[in-house]
Amino acid sequence: MSQRYKILIVDDEASLTTLLQEELQELGAYEVNLAFDGAEAINLIQKIIYDVVLLDMKMPRVDGREVLRFIQEHSPSS
């Protein structure tokens, strides 16, 4: 059985984010989760180790820079 890579897409534009999720999941090699703001992304990152995070930098509430700092501080490879 081949490995399914875990991807987190973080963007406040729901239509774009959902479309990207559908396209990636169709390929079959990816497990894709969505977060529509930075706070939601941080909550998911605390529970799941992702191989890739696609991150919008300009979002309401918690922006992409804060999420990136959180990832850097809590990354298992750091």
C-alpha atoms as a PDB file:
ATOM      1  CA  MET A   1       0.000   0.000   0.000  1.00  0.00           C
ATOM      2  CA  SER A   2       1.394   3.399  -0.975  1.00  0.00           C
ATOM      3  CA  GLN A   3       1.683   6.299   1.441  1.00  0.00           C
ATOM      4  CA  ARG A   4      -0.966   9.016   1.344  1.00  0.00           C
ATOM      5  CA  TYR A   5       0.571  12.393   2.014  1.00  0.00           C
ATOM      6  CA  LYS A   6      -1.255  14.712   4.413  1.00  0.00           C
ATOM      7  CA  ILE A   7      -1.877  18.219   3.110  1.00  0.00           C
ATOM      8  CA  LEU A   8      -3.459  21.134   4.944  1.00  0.00           C
ATOM      9  CA  ILE A   9      -4.887  23.966   2.835  1.00  0.00           C
ATOM     10  CA  VAL A  10      -5.425  27.191   4.765  1.00  0.00           C
ATOM     11  CA  ASP A  11      -7.336  29.943   2.979  1.00  0.00           C
ATOM     12  CA  ASP A  12     -10.358  32.100   3.724  1.00  0.00           C
ATOM     13  CA  GLU A  13     -11.685  31.720   0.162  1.00  0.00           C
ATOM     14  CA  ALA A  14     -13.894  28.645   0.514  1.00  0.00           C
ATOM     15  CA  SER A  15     -14.605  28.062  -3.195  1.00  0.00           C
ATOM     16  CA  LEU A  16     -10.926  28.078  -4.194  1.00  0.00           C
ATOM     17  CA  THR A  17      -9.912  25.976  -1.206  1.00  0.00           C
ATOM     18  CA  THR A  18     -12.613  23.361  -1.811  1.00  0.00           C
ATOM     19  CA  LEU A  19     -11.771  23.133  -5.521  1.00  0.00           C
ATOM     20  CA  LEU A  20      -8.099  22.553  -4.739  1.00  0.00           C
ATOM     21  CA  GLN A  21      -9.034  19.887  -2.181  1.00  0.00           C
ATOM     22  CA  GLU A  22     -11.205  18.035  -4.718  1.00  0.00           C
ATOM     23  CA  GLU A  23      -8.490  18.129  -7.392  1.00  0.00           C
ATOM     24  CA  LEU A  24      -5.795  16.819  -5.058  1.00  0.00           C
ATOM     25  CA  GLN A  25      -7.984  14.063  -3.602  1.00  0.00           C
ATOM     26  CA  GLU A  26      -8.879  12.863  -7.108  1.00  0.00           C
ATOM     27  CA  LEU A  27      -5.213  12.001  -7.597  1.00  0.00           C
ATOM     28  CA  GLY A  28      -5.585   9.468  -4.785  1.00  0.00           C
ATOM     29  CA  ALA A  29      -2.199  10.038  -3.156  1.00  0.00           C
ATOM     30  CA  TYR A  30      -3.284  12.822  -0.824  1.00  0.00           C
ATOM     31  CA  GLU A  31      -5.367  13.202   2.312  1.00  0.00           C
ATOM     32  CA  VAL A  32      -6.441  16.844   2.301  1.00  0.00           C
ATOM     33  CA  ASN A  33      -7.803  18.863   5.221  1.00  0.00           C
ATOM     34  CA  LEU A  34      -9.106  22.412   5.035  1.00  0.00           C
ATOM     35  CA  ALA A  35      -8.946  25.368   7.401  1.00  0.00           C
ATOM     36  CA  PHE A  36     -10.657  28.640   6.590  1.00  0.00           C
ATOM     37  CA  ASP A  37      -8.715  30.796   9.047  1.00  0.00           C
ATOM     38  CA  GLY A  38      -5.476  30.701  10.985  1.00  0.00           C
ATOM     39  CA  ALA A  39      -7.017  29.688  14.302  1.00  0.00           C
ATOM     40  CA  GLU A  40      -8.644  26.655  12.711  1.00  0.00           C
ATOM     41  CA  ALA A  41      -5.316  25.769  11.057  1.00  0.00           C
ATOM     42  CA  ILE A  42      -3.444  25.894  14.357  1.00  0.00           C
ATOM     43  CA  ASN A  43      -6.044  23.632  15.962  1.00  0.00           C
ATOM     44  CA  LEU A  44      -5.571  21.041  13.184  1.00  0.00           C
ATOM     45  CA  ILE A  45      -1.765  21.305  13.270  1.00  0.00           C
ATOM     46  CA  GLN A  46      -1.837  20.514  16.985  1.00  0.00           C
ATOM     47  CA  LYS A  47      -3.618  17.218  16.228  1.00  0.00           C
ATOM     48  CA  ILE A  48      -2.094  16.088  12.915  1.00  0.00           C
ATOM     49  CA  ILE A  49       1.406  16.125  11.438  1.00  0.00           C
ATOM     50  CA  TYR A  50       1.152  17.391   7.858  1.00  0.00           C
ATOM     51  CA  ASP A  51       3.611  16.750   5.054  1.00  0.00           C
ATOM     52  CA  VAL A  52       2.636  19.997   3.306  1.00  0.00           C
ATOM     53  CA  VAL A  53       0.773  23.145   4.360  1.00  0.00           C
ATOM     54  CA  LEU A  54      -0.523  25.493   1.647  1.00  0.00           C
ATOM     55  CA  LEU A  55      -0.975  28.739   3.506  1.00  0.00           C
ATOM     56  CA  ASP A  56      -2.669  32.021   2.583  1.00  0.00           C
ATOM     57  CA  MET A  57      -0.821  34.855   4.284  1.00  0.00           C
ATOM     58  CA  LYS A  58      -3.707  37.377   4.440  1.00  0.00           C
ATOM     59  CA  MET A  59      -6.625  36.080   6.490  1.00  0.00           C
ATOM     60  CA  PRO A  60      -8.889  37.535   9.168  1.00  0.00           C
ATOM     61  CA  ARG A  61      -8.336  36.827  12.879  1.00  0.00           C
ATOM     62  CA  VAL A  62      -5.061  34.880  12.788  1.00  0.00           C
ATOM     63  CA  ASP A  63      -3.022  35.559   9.646  1.00  0.00           C
ATOM     64  CA  GLY A  64      -0.673  33.261   7.774  1.00  0.00           C
ATOM     65  CA  ARG A  65       2.457  34.682   9.395  1.00  0.00           C
ATOM     66  CA  GLU A  66       1.227  33.637  12.836  1.00  0.00           C
ATOM     67  CA  VAL A  67       0.382  30.154  11.555  1.00  0.00           C
ATOM     68  CA  LEU A  68       3.829  29.872   9.969  1.00  0.00           C
ATOM     69  CA  ARG A  69       5.499  30.904  13.240  1.00  0.00           C
ATOM     70  CA  PHE A  70       3.436  28.265  15.071  1.00  0.00           C
ATOM     71  CA  ILE A  71       4.498  25.603  12.563  1.00  0.00           C
ATOM     72  CA  GLN A  72       8.161  26.565  12.881  1.00  0.00           C
ATOM     73  CA  GLU A  73       8.031  26.489  16.685  1.00  0.00           C
ATOM     74  CA  HIS A  74       6.151  23.187  16.920  1.00  0.00           C
ATOM     75  CA  SER A  75       7.487  21.261  13.939  1.00  0.00           C
ATOM     76  CA  PRO A  76       8.637  17.739  14.828  1.00  0.00           C
ATOM     77  CA  SER A  77      11.755  18.278  12.692  1.00  0.00           C
ATOM     78  CA  SER A  78      12.864  21.460  14.491  1.00  0.00           C
END
